[in-house]
Amino acid sequence: MEAFLSSTLAVAIAEIGDKTQLLALFLAARYCRPYAITCGVFVATLVNHALSAWLGLAIAALIPEQWIPWLIAGSFIAIAVWLLVPDKDDDDMGRFASYGPFLATLILFFLAEIGDKTQIATVVLAAKYSVDIWSSFIVIMGTTVGMLLANVPVIFAGKWLMDRMPLNIARKAAFVLFVLLAIATVVGMS
């Protein structure tokens, strides 16, 4: 349960103000098809985060066991600092805009998540909870739920919600969360 809750909370908070959340807003405004966009976000996130979790497991298997908590804690600190830097506001959907709401969302979300904070967080969380395949599945479900928790309100409430969201406070809260995850990782190894 800890893996699921940590993964959900970490991604939901880290996603606030992220470029993929802004992408969800642009897609919702362009297509006005919230259910198709939500399904696209779900499938893209599930595939992207499953690949990320697999990478986290592979990395954890290659690194000496005593190093893993320190590397994970360091990764959490790096993500925390990265969260304080706002994403670029890029609303260009390019050629994918003509694909329709589901396919455009699926492709654009998958591409936008490559190398994104939440993808890196998924790799790190999968490495942290790399007990077995079931643990990885729990991390994937948690990060996917976190992504949906952050994006579905934007998809359905759109501009109204974004006008009232204090992004600076959300970034600072995400920073604190990842620092606490780093501390918990180091404390948990003793």
N, C-alpha and C. Protein backbone atom coordinates (compact mmCIF):
# COMPACT_ATOMS: atom_id res chain seq x y z
N MET A 1 0.83 -1.20 0.00
CA MET A 1 0.00 0.00 0.00
C MET A 1 0.87 1.26 0.00
N GLU A 2 2.03 1.18 0.68
CA GLU A 2 2.93 2.34 0.73
C GLU A 2 3.41 2.71 -0.68
N ALA A 3 3.73 1.69 -1.50
CA ALA A 3 4.20 1.94 -2.86
C ALA A 3 3.13 2.65 -3.68
N PHE A 4 1.87 2.20 -3.53
CA PHE A 4 0.77 2.80 -4.29
C PHE A 4 0.54 4.24 -3.85
N LEU A 5 0.44 4.46 -2.54
CA LEU A 5 0.16 5.82 -2.04
C LEU A 5 1.31 6.78 -2.33
N SER A 6 2.54 6.34 -2.13
CA SER A 6 3.70 7.20 -2.42
C SER A 6 3.74 7.56 -3.91
N SER A 7 3.50 6.58 -4.75
CA SER A 7 3.53 6.81 -6.20
C SER A 7 2.41 7.74 -6.64
N THR A 8 1.22 7.51 -6.12
CA THR A 8 0.07 8.35 -6.48
C THR A 8 0.30 9.79 -6.05
N LEU A 9 0.66 9.97 -4.80
CA LEU A 9 0.86 11.31 -4.26
C LEU A 9 2.01 12.03 -4.95
N ALA A 10 3.12 11.34 -5.15
CA ALA A 10 4.29 11.96 -5.78
C ALA A 10 3.96 12.47 -7.18
N VAL A 11 3.31 11.66 -7.98
CA VAL A 11 3.01 12.06 -9.36
C VAL A 11 1.89 13.09 -9.40
N ALA A 12 0.86 12.94 -8.58
CA ALA A 12 -0.24 13.91 -8.59
C ALA A 12 0.26 15.31 -8.26
N ILE A 13 1.11 15.41 -7.27
CA ILE A 13 1.61 16.74 -6.88
C ILE A 13 2.65 17.24 -7.88
N ALA A 14 3.53 16.35 -8.34
CA ALA A 14 4.56 16.76 -9.30
C ALA A 14 3.96 17.21 -10.62
N GLU A 15 2.81 16.68 -10.96
CA GLU A 15 2.17 16.97 -12.24
C GLU A 15 1.52 18.35 -12.28
N ILE A 16 1.22 18.94 -11.13
CA ILE A 16 0.54 20.23 -11.11
C ILE A 16 1.43 21.29 -11.75
N GLY A 17 0.91 21.90 -12.80
CA GLY A 17 1.65 22.92 -13.54
C GLY A 17 2.64 22.37 -14.54
N ASP A 18 2.70 21.05 -14.69
CA ASP A 18 3.62 20.41 -15.61
C ASP A 18 3.15 20.62 -17.05
N LYS A 19 4.06 20.42 -18.00
CA LYS A 19 3.71 20.63 -19.40
C LYS A 19 2.60 19.69 -19.87
N THR A 20 2.53 18.48 -19.32
CA THR A 20 1.47 17.57 -19.74
C THR A 20 0.12 18.03 -19.19
N GLN A 21 0.11 18.69 -18.06
CA GLN A 21 -1.15 19.24 -17.55
C GLN A 21 -1.60 20.40 -18.45
N LEU A 22 -0.66 21.20 -18.88
CA LEU A 22 -1.00 22.27 -19.83
C LEU A 22 -1.45 21.68 -21.16
N LEU A 23 -0.81 20.59 -21.57
CA LEU A 23 -1.23 19.90 -22.79
C LEU A 23 -2.67 19.41 -22.66
N ALA A 24 -3.02 18.86 -21.50
CA ALA A 24 -4.40 18.41 -21.27
C ALA A 24 -5.38 19.58 -21.41
N LEU A 25 -4.99 20.73 -20.89
CA LEU A 25 -5.83 21.92 -21.00
C LEU A 25 -6.03 22.31 -22.47
N PHE A 26 -4.95 22.32 -23.25
CA PHE A 26 -5.04 22.68 -24.67
C PHE A 26 -5.87 21.67 -25.45
N LEU A 27 -5.69 20.38 -25.16
CA LEU A 27 -6.47 19.35 -25.84
C LEU A 27 -7.95 19.47 -25.50
N ALA A 28 -8.26 19.75 -24.24
CA ALA A 28 -9.66 19.91 -23.83
C ALA A 28 -10.27 21.11 -24.52
N ALA A 29 -9.53 22.19 -24.63
CA ALA A 29 -10.04 23.38 -25.29
C ALA A 29 -10.22 23.15 -26.80
N ARG A 30 -9.30 22.41 -27.40
CA ARG A 30 -9.36 22.19 -28.85
C ARG A 30 -10.49 21.23 -29.24
N TYR A 31 -10.63 20.14 -28.51
CA TYR A 31 -11.56 19.09 -28.93
C TYR A 31 -12.90 19.08 -28.21
N CYS A 32 -12.96 19.60 -26.99
CA CYS A 32 -14.19 19.55 -26.19
C CYS A 32 -14.74 18.13 -26.09
N ARG A 33 -13.85 17.15 -25.94
CA ARG A 33 -14.21 15.73 -25.82
C ARG A 33 -13.48 15.15 -24.61
N PRO A 34 -13.93 15.50 -23.40
CA PRO A 34 -13.17 15.14 -22.20
C PRO A 34 -13.00 13.64 -21.98
N TYR A 35 -13.97 12.83 -22.36
CA TYR A 35 -13.84 11.39 -22.12
C TYR A 35 -12.79 10.77 -23.04
N ALA A 36 -12.77 11.18 -24.29
CA ALA A 36 -11.76 10.67 -25.23
C ALA A 36 -10.36 11.11 -24.81
N ILE A 37 -10.24 12.35 -24.36
CA ILE A 37 -8.95 12.87 -23.92
C ILE A 37 -8.48 12.14 -22.66
N THR A 38 -9.39 11.90 -21.72
CA THR A 38 -9.05 11.16 -20.50
C THR A 38 -8.58 9.76 -20.84
N CYS A 39 -9.24 9.08 -21.76
CA CYS A 39 -8.81 7.73 -22.17
C CYS A 39 -7.43 7.78 -22.81
N GLY A 40 -7.17 8.79 -23.62
CA GLY A 40 -5.84 8.94 -24.23
C GLY A 40 -4.76 9.15 -23.18
N VAL A 41 -5.04 9.98 -22.17
CA VAL A 41 -4.09 10.22 -21.07
C VAL A 41 -3.85 8.92 -20.33
N PHE A 42 -4.91 8.17 -20.05
CA PHE A 42 -4.79 6.91 -19.31
C PHE A 42 -3.89 5.92 -20.05
N VAL A 43 -4.16 5.67 -21.33
CA VAL A 43 -3.40 4.68 -22.09
C VAL A 43 -1.95 5.14 -22.26
N ALA A 44 -1.73 6.40 -22.61
CA ALA A 44 -0.37 6.91 -22.78
C ALA A 44 0.43 6.80 -21.49
N THR A 45 -0.19 7.17 -20.38
CA THR A 45 0.49 7.13 -19.08
C THR A 45 0.78 5.69 -18.68
N LEU A 46 -0.17 4.81 -18.85
CA LEU A 46 0.01 3.41 -18.49
C LEU A 46 1.19 2.79 -19.25
N VAL A 47 1.26 3.02 -20.55
CA VAL A 47 2.35 2.46 -21.35
C VAL A 47 3.68 3.11 -20.97
N ASN A 48 3.70 4.44 -20.89
CA ASN A 48 4.93 5.16 -20.57
C ASN A 48 5.46 4.78 -19.20
N HIS A 49 4.58 4.72 -18.21
CA HIS A 49 5.02 4.41 -16.85
C HIS A 49 5.35 2.94 -16.68
N ALA A 50 4.73 2.06 -17.46
CA ALA A 50 5.11 0.64 -17.41
C ALA A 50 6.54 0.48 -17.93
N LEU A 51 6.86 1.15 -19.02
CA LEU A 51 8.23 1.10 -19.54
C LEU A 51 9.20 1.72 -18.54
N SER A 52 8.78 2.79 -17.89
CA SER A 52 9.63 3.46 -16.89
C SER A 52 9.88 2.56 -15.69
N ALA A 53 8.84 1.89 -15.22
CA ALA A 53 8.99 0.99 -14.08
C ALA A 53 9.91 -0.18 -14.44
N TRP A 54 9.78 -0.68 -15.64
CA TRP A 54 10.66 -1.76 -16.09
C TRP A 54 12.11 -1.28 -16.07
N LEU A 55 12.34 -0.05 -16.53
CA LEU A 55 13.69 0.51 -16.49
C LEU A 55 14.19 0.64 -15.05
N GLY A 56 13.30 1.08 -14.14
CA GLY A 56 13.66 1.18 -12.73
C GLY A 56 14.05 -0.16 -12.14
N LEU A 57 13.32 -1.21 -12.49
CA LEU A 57 13.66 -2.57 -12.03
C LEU A 57 15.00 -3.01 -12.59
N ALA A 58 15.23 -2.74 -13.86
CA ALA A 58 16.49 -3.14 -14.49
C ALA A 58 17.67 -2.43 -13.83
N ILE A 59 17.50 -1.14 -13.57
CA ILE A 59 18.57 -0.37 -12.93
C ILE A 59 18.83 -0.91 -11.53
N ALA A 60 17.76 -1.18 -10.78
CA ALA A 60 17.92 -1.70 -9.41
C ALA A 60 18.62 -3.05 -9.41
N ALA A 61 18.42 -3.86 -10.44
CA ALA A 61 19.06 -5.17 -10.51
C ALA A 61 20.56 -5.06 -10.84
N LEU A 62 20.97 -3.98 -11.48
CA LEU A 62 22.36 -3.81 -11.89
C LEU A 62 23.24 -3.14 -10.84
N ILE A 63 22.63 -2.40 -9.95
CA ILE A 63 23.37 -1.59 -8.98
C ILE A 63 23.53 -2.39 -7.68
N PRO A 64 24.69 -2.30 -7.06
CA PRO A 64 24.86 -2.99 -5.77
C PRO A 64 23.80 -2.53 -4.76
N GLU A 65 23.26 -3.49 -4.03
CA GLU A 65 22.12 -3.25 -3.14
C GLU A 65 22.36 -2.13 -2.13
N GLN A 66 23.56 -2.02 -1.58
CA GLN A 66 23.82 -1.00 -0.56
C GLN A 66 23.84 0.41 -1.16
N TRP A 67 24.01 0.55 -2.46
CA TRP A 67 24.02 1.87 -3.10
C TRP A 67 22.61 2.37 -3.40
N ILE A 68 21.67 1.45 -3.60
CA ILE A 68 20.34 1.80 -4.09
C ILE A 68 19.65 2.86 -3.24
N PRO A 69 19.57 2.74 -1.90
CA PRO A 69 18.88 3.78 -1.14
C PRO A 69 19.51 5.17 -1.33
N TRP A 70 20.84 5.23 -1.40
CA TRP A 70 21.52 6.53 -1.56
C TRP A 70 21.25 7.12 -2.95
N LEU A 71 21.27 6.28 -3.97
CA LEU A 71 20.99 6.75 -5.33
C LEU A 71 19.53 7.19 -5.46
N ILE A 72 18.64 6.43 -4.84
CA ILE A 72 17.22 6.79 -4.88
C ILE A 72 17.00 8.10 -4.13
N ALA A 73 17.58 8.25 -2.96
CA ALA A 73 17.44 9.49 -2.19
C ALA A 73 17.99 10.67 -2.99
N GLY A 74 19.15 10.49 -3.61
CA GLY A 74 19.73 11.55 -4.45
C GLY A 74 18.84 11.89 -5.62
N SER A 75 18.23 10.86 -6.22
CA SER A 75 17.30 11.09 -7.34
C SER A 75 16.08 11.87 -6.88
N PHE A 76 15.55 11.52 -5.70
CA PHE A 76 14.41 12.27 -5.17
C PHE A 76 14.77 13.74 -4.94
N ILE A 77 15.96 13.99 -4.43
CA ILE A 77 16.40 15.38 -4.21
C ILE A 77 16.51 16.10 -5.56
N ALA A 78 17.09 15.44 -6.56
CA ALA A 78 17.21 16.05 -7.89
C ALA A 78 15.83 16.37 -8.48
N ILE A 79 14.88 15.45 -8.33
CA ILE A 79 13.52 15.70 -8.82
C ILE A 79 12.90 16.86 -8.05
N ALA A 80 13.13 16.92 -6.74
CA ALA A 80 12.58 18.01 -5.92
C ALA A 80 13.07 19.36 -6.43
N VAL A 81 14.35 19.46 -6.70
CA VAL A 81 14.91 20.73 -7.21
C VAL A 81 14.35 21.02 -8.60
N TRP A 82 14.25 20.00 -9.44
CA TRP A 82 13.73 20.15 -10.79
C TRP A 82 12.29 20.66 -10.75
N LEU A 83 11.51 20.23 -9.77
CA LEU A 83 10.12 20.66 -9.65
C LEU A 83 9.97 22.16 -9.41
N LEU A 84 10.99 22.77 -8.87
CA LEU A 84 10.92 24.22 -8.61
C LEU A 84 11.06 25.05 -9.89
N VAL A 85 11.50 24.42 -10.98
CA VAL A 85 11.68 25.12 -12.25
C VAL A 85 10.41 24.93 -13.09
N PRO A 86 9.71 26.02 -13.41
CA PRO A 86 8.48 25.90 -14.21
C PRO A 86 8.78 25.36 -15.62
N ASP A 87 7.81 24.61 -16.16
CA ASP A 87 7.93 24.11 -17.52
C ASP A 87 7.66 25.22 -18.51
N LYS A 88 8.19 25.03 -19.74
CA LYS A 88 7.88 25.94 -20.83
C LYS A 88 6.41 25.79 -21.19
N ASP A 89 5.79 26.89 -21.54
CA ASP A 89 4.40 26.85 -22.00
C ASP A 89 4.42 26.64 -23.51
N ASP A 90 4.20 25.40 -23.94
CA ASP A 90 4.29 25.05 -25.36
C ASP A 90 2.97 24.42 -25.77
N ASP A 91 2.17 25.17 -26.54
CA ASP A 91 0.85 24.67 -26.92
C ASP A 91 0.78 24.21 -28.36
N ASP A 92 1.89 24.01 -29.03
CA ASP A 92 1.90 23.59 -30.42
C ASP A 92 1.69 22.08 -30.50
N MET A 93 0.55 21.67 -31.05
CA MET A 93 0.24 20.24 -31.17
C MET A 93 0.72 19.68 -32.50
N GLY A 94 1.15 20.54 -33.40
CA GLY A 94 1.71 20.09 -34.67
C GLY A 94 0.76 19.24 -35.48
N ARG A 95 1.32 18.29 -36.20
CA ARG A 95 0.54 17.45 -37.12
C ARG A 95 -0.41 16.51 -36.41
N PHE A 96 -0.22 16.29 -35.10
CA PHE A 96 -1.06 15.34 -34.37
C PHE A 96 -2.46 15.87 -34.11
N ALA A 97 -2.67 17.17 -34.25
CA ALA A 97 -3.97 17.77 -33.98
C ALA A 97 -5.06 17.19 -34.88
N SER A 98 -4.70 16.76 -36.07
CA SER A 98 -5.70 16.24 -37.01
C SER A 98 -6.07 14.78 -36.75
N TYR A 99 -5.44 14.13 -35.76
CA TYR A 99 -5.68 12.72 -35.50
C TYR A 99 -6.93 12.44 -34.68
N GLY A 100 -7.59 13.46 -34.18
CA GLY A 100 -8.75 13.27 -33.32
C GLY A 100 -8.32 13.27 -31.86
N PRO A 101 -9.29 13.44 -30.96
CA PRO A 101 -8.94 13.64 -29.55
C PRO A 101 -8.22 12.47 -28.88
N PHE A 102 -8.66 11.24 -29.10
CA PHE A 102 -8.03 10.11 -28.42
C PHE A 102 -6.61 9.88 -28.92
N LEU A 103 -6.44 9.74 -30.23
CA LEU A 103 -5.13 9.43 -30.78
C LEU A 103 -4.15 10.58 -30.59
N ALA A 104 -4.61 11.81 -30.79
CA ALA A 104 -3.73 12.97 -30.57
C ALA A 104 -3.27 13.01 -29.12
N THR A 105 -4.19 12.79 -28.19
CA THR A 105 -3.84 12.79 -26.77
C THR A 105 -2.86 11.67 -26.46
N LEU A 106 -3.15 10.47 -26.94
CA LEU A 106 -2.28 9.32 -26.68
C LEU A 106 -0.85 9.60 -27.16
N ILE A 107 -0.70 10.05 -28.39
CA ILE A 107 0.63 10.29 -28.96
C ILE A 107 1.31 11.46 -28.25
N LEU A 108 0.61 12.58 -28.11
CA LEU A 108 1.23 13.77 -27.52
C LEU A 108 1.59 13.55 -26.05
N PHE A 109 0.71 12.89 -25.30
CA PHE A 109 1.02 12.62 -23.89
C PHE A 109 2.19 11.68 -23.76
N PHE A 110 2.22 10.63 -24.56
CA PHE A 110 3.33 9.68 -24.49
C PHE A 110 4.65 10.39 -24.78
N LEU A 111 4.68 11.19 -25.83
CA LEU A 111 5.90 11.91 -26.20
C LEU A 111 6.28 12.95 -25.15
N ALA A 112 5.28 13.66 -24.61
CA ALA A 112 5.56 14.70 -23.61
C ALA A 112 6.10 14.10 -22.32
N GLU A 113 5.74 12.88 -22.01
CA GLU A 113 6.20 12.24 -20.77
C GLU A 113 7.63 11.71 -20.86
N ILE A 114 8.17 11.58 -22.06
CA ILE A 114 9.53 11.06 -22.21
C ILE A 114 10.50 12.07 -21.60
N GLY A 115 11.21 11.62 -20.58
CA GLY A 115 12.18 12.47 -19.89
C GLY A 115 11.55 13.48 -18.95
N ASP A 116 10.24 13.39 -18.74
CA ASP A 116 9.55 14.33 -17.87
C ASP A 116 9.76 13.96 -16.40
N LYS A 117 9.48 14.91 -15.52
CA LYS A 117 9.65 14.69 -14.08
C LYS A 117 8.90 13.46 -13.60
N THR A 118 7.67 13.30 -14.06
CA THR A 118 6.86 12.17 -13.57
C THR A 118 7.38 10.84 -14.11
N GLN A 119 7.96 10.84 -15.30
CA GLN A 119 8.55 9.60 -15.81
C GLN A 119 9.79 9.24 -15.00
N ILE A 120 10.62 10.23 -14.72
CA ILE A 120 11.82 9.99 -13.92
C ILE A 120 11.41 9.53 -12.51
N ALA A 121 10.37 10.16 -11.96
CA ALA A 121 9.87 9.75 -10.64
C ALA A 121 9.40 8.30 -10.68
N THR A 122 8.77 7.88 -11.76
CA THR A 122 8.31 6.50 -11.89
C THR A 122 9.50 5.54 -11.91
N VAL A 123 10.55 5.89 -12.63
CA VAL A 123 11.76 5.05 -12.67
C VAL A 123 12.31 4.91 -11.24
N VAL A 124 12.41 6.05 -10.55
CA VAL A 124 12.98 6.05 -9.19
C VAL A 124 12.09 5.27 -8.22
N LEU A 125 10.78 5.49 -8.29
CA LEU A 125 9.86 4.78 -7.40
C LEU A 125 9.88 3.27 -7.66
N ALA A 126 9.97 2.88 -8.92
CA ALA A 126 10.04 1.45 -9.24
C ALA A 126 11.33 0.84 -8.69
N ALA A 127 12.43 1.60 -8.77
CA ALA A 127 13.69 1.11 -8.20
C ALA A 127 13.59 1.01 -6.68
N LYS A 128 12.93 2.00 -6.06
CA LYS A 128 12.78 2.00 -4.60
C LYS A 128 11.97 0.80 -4.12
N TYR A 129 10.89 0.50 -4.82
CA TYR A 129 10.00 -0.59 -4.41
C TYR A 129 10.24 -1.84 -5.27
N SER A 130 11.48 -2.11 -5.64
CA SER A 130 11.80 -3.20 -6.57
C SER A 130 11.86 -4.56 -5.88
N VAL A 131 10.84 -4.89 -5.14
CA VAL A 131 10.79 -6.18 -4.46
C VAL A 131 10.48 -7.30 -5.46
N ASP A 132 9.49 -7.08 -6.29
CA ASP A 132 9.08 -8.08 -7.27
C ASP A 132 8.22 -7.41 -8.35
N ILE A 133 7.72 -8.19 -9.27
CA ILE A 133 6.90 -7.67 -10.37
C ILE A 133 5.62 -7.04 -9.82
N TRP A 134 5.04 -7.63 -8.79
CA TRP A 134 3.82 -7.08 -8.20
C TRP A 134 4.05 -5.66 -7.68
N SER A 135 5.20 -5.44 -7.05
CA SER A 135 5.53 -4.10 -6.54
C SER A 135 5.62 -3.10 -7.69
N SER A 136 6.20 -3.53 -8.80
CA SER A 136 6.28 -2.65 -9.98
C SER A 136 4.90 -2.33 -10.51
N PHE A 137 4.04 -3.33 -10.53
CA PHE A 137 2.66 -3.12 -10.98
C PHE A 137 1.97 -2.09 -10.08
N ILE A 138 2.18 -2.19 -8.78
CA ILE A 138 1.59 -1.24 -7.83
C ILE A 138 2.11 0.18 -8.10
N VAL A 139 3.41 0.31 -8.37
CA VAL A 139 3.98 1.63 -8.69
C VAL A 139 3.36 2.17 -9.98
N ILE A 140 3.24 1.33 -10.99
CA ILE A 140 2.65 1.75 -12.27
C ILE A 140 1.21 2.22 -12.04
N MET A 141 0.44 1.46 -11.28
CA MET A 141 -0.94 1.86 -11.00
C MET A 141 -0.98 3.18 -10.21
N GLY A 142 -0.10 3.30 -9.22
CA GLY A 142 -0.06 4.52 -8.42
C GLY A 142 0.30 5.74 -9.24
N THR A 143 1.34 5.63 -10.08
CA THR A 143 1.73 6.79 -10.88
C THR A 143 0.68 7.13 -11.94
N THR A 144 0.01 6.10 -12.45
CA THR A 144 -1.06 6.35 -13.43
C THR A 144 -2.24 7.04 -12.76
N VAL A 145 -2.62 6.57 -11.58
CA VAL A 145 -3.71 7.22 -10.83
C VAL A 145 -3.32 8.65 -10.49
N GLY A 146 -2.07 8.86 -10.08
CA GLY A 146 -1.60 10.21 -9.78
C GLY A 146 -1.70 11.13 -10.99
N MET A 147 -1.32 10.61 -12.16
CA MET A 147 -1.41 11.39 -13.40
C MET A 147 -2.86 11.75 -13.70
N LEU A 148 -3.75 10.79 -13.51
CA LEU A 148 -5.17 11.04 -13.77
C LEU A 148 -5.75 12.03 -12.75
N LEU A 149 -5.35 11.90 -11.48
CA LEU A 149 -5.83 12.84 -10.46
C LEU A 149 -5.44 14.28 -10.78
N ALA A 150 -4.28 14.46 -11.35
CA ALA A 150 -3.83 15.81 -11.69
C ALA A 150 -4.42 16.32 -13.00
N ASN A 151 -4.69 15.42 -13.95
CA ASN A 151 -5.11 15.87 -15.28
C ASN A 151 -6.61 15.84 -15.55
N VAL A 152 -7.33 14.90 -14.96
CA VAL A 152 -8.77 14.82 -15.24
C VAL A 152 -9.51 16.10 -14.84
N PRO A 153 -9.23 16.68 -13.67
CA PRO A 153 -9.90 17.95 -13.35
C PRO A 153 -9.60 19.04 -14.38
N VAL A 154 -8.38 19.06 -14.89
CA VAL A 154 -8.02 20.05 -15.91
C VAL A 154 -8.79 19.79 -17.19
N ILE A 155 -8.91 18.53 -17.55
CA ILE A 155 -9.62 18.16 -18.77
C ILE A 155 -11.09 18.57 -18.67
N PHE A 156 -11.70 18.33 -17.50
CA PHE A 156 -13.13 18.63 -17.36
C PHE A 156 -13.42 20.07 -16.93
N ALA A 157 -12.55 20.67 -16.13
CA ALA A 157 -12.81 22.03 -15.63
C ALA A 157 -11.98 23.08 -16.36
N GLY A 158 -10.94 22.62 -17.05
CA GLY A 158 -10.16 23.48 -17.93
C GLY A 158 -9.67 24.79 -17.36
N LYS A 159 -9.94 25.81 -18.11
CA LYS A 159 -9.40 27.13 -17.80
C LYS A 159 -9.84 27.63 -16.43
N TRP A 160 -11.06 27.36 -16.03
CA TRP A 160 -11.55 27.82 -14.73
C TRP A 160 -10.63 27.34 -13.61
N LEU A 161 -10.26 26.08 -13.65
CA LEU A 161 -9.39 25.49 -12.63
C LEU A 161 -7.98 26.07 -12.69
N MET A 162 -7.43 26.20 -13.89
CA MET A 162 -6.06 26.69 -14.04
C MET A 162 -5.92 28.15 -13.58
N ASP A 163 -6.99 28.94 -13.72
CA ASP A 163 -6.95 30.33 -13.26
C ASP A 163 -6.88 30.43 -11.74
N ARG A 164 -7.32 29.40 -11.04
CA ARG A 164 -7.37 29.42 -9.58
C ARG A 164 -6.30 28.57 -8.91
N MET A 165 -5.47 27.90 -9.69
CA MET A 165 -4.45 26.99 -9.15
C MET A 165 -3.18 27.77 -8.81
N PRO A 166 -2.78 27.82 -7.54
CA PRO A 166 -1.53 28.50 -7.19
C PRO A 166 -0.32 27.62 -7.52
N LEU A 167 0.19 27.74 -8.74
CA LEU A 167 1.25 26.86 -9.21
C LEU A 167 2.53 26.97 -8.39
N ASN A 168 2.84 28.16 -7.92
CA ASN A 168 4.05 28.34 -7.12
C ASN A 168 3.97 27.52 -5.83
N ILE A 169 2.82 27.54 -5.18
CA ILE A 169 2.63 26.76 -3.96
C ILE A 169 2.65 25.27 -4.27
N ALA A 170 2.05 24.87 -5.38
CA ALA A 170 2.04 23.46 -5.77
C ALA A 170 3.46 22.96 -6.03
N ARG A 171 4.29 23.78 -6.69
CA ARG A 171 5.67 23.38 -6.96
C ARG A 171 6.44 23.22 -5.64
N LYS A 172 6.22 24.13 -4.70
CA LYS A 172 6.91 24.05 -3.41
C LYS A 172 6.45 22.83 -2.61
N ALA A 173 5.15 22.52 -2.68
CA ALA A 173 4.63 21.33 -1.99
C ALA A 173 5.23 20.06 -2.60
N ALA A 174 5.36 20.02 -3.92
CA ALA A 174 5.97 18.87 -4.58
C ALA A 174 7.44 18.75 -4.19
N PHE A 175 8.14 19.88 -4.09
CA PHE A 175 9.53 19.89 -3.65
C PHE A 175 9.65 19.26 -2.27
N VAL A 176 8.80 19.70 -1.34
CA VAL A 176 8.83 19.17 0.03
C VAL A 176 8.53 17.68 0.03
N LEU A 177 7.54 17.25 -0.76
CA LEU A 177 7.19 15.83 -0.83
C LEU A 177 8.39 14.98 -1.27
N PHE A 178 9.09 15.41 -2.31
CA PHE A 178 10.21 14.62 -2.80
C PHE A 178 11.40 14.65 -1.83
N VAL A 179 11.60 15.76 -1.13
CA VAL A 179 12.65 15.79 -0.11
C VAL A 179 12.29 14.81 1.01
N LEU A 180 11.01 14.79 1.42
CA LEU A 180 10.58 13.84 2.45
C LEU A 180 10.74 12.39 1.99
N LEU A 181 10.46 12.13 0.71
CA LEU A 181 10.68 10.78 0.17
C LEU A 181 12.16 10.40 0.22
N ALA A 182 13.03 11.38 -0.06
CA ALA A 182 14.47 11.12 0.03
C ALA A 182 14.87 10.81 1.46
N ILE A 183 14.38 11.59 2.40
CA ILE A 183 14.70 11.36 3.81
C ILE A 183 14.17 9.99 4.26
N ALA A 184 12.93 9.69 3.89
CA ALA A 184 12.34 8.40 4.27
C ALA A 184 13.13 7.23 3.69
N THR A 185 13.66 7.42 2.50
CA THR A 185 14.47 6.36 1.88
C THR A 185 15.74 6.10 2.67
N VAL A 186 16.43 7.18 3.06
CA VAL A 186 17.67 7.03 3.83
C VAL A 186 17.40 6.51 5.23
N VAL A 187 16.36 7.04 5.87
CA VAL A 187 16.01 6.60 7.23
C VAL A 187 15.56 5.13 7.21
N GLY A 188 14.84 4.75 6.16
CA GLY A 188 14.34 3.38 6.05
C GLY A 188 15.43 2.35 5.86
N MET A 189 16.60 2.78 5.42
CA MET A 189 17.69 1.79 5.22
C MET A 189 18.43 1.51 6.51
N SER A 190 18.22 2.34 7.56
CA SER A 190 18.95 2.09 8.80
C SER A 190 18.20 1.19 9.73
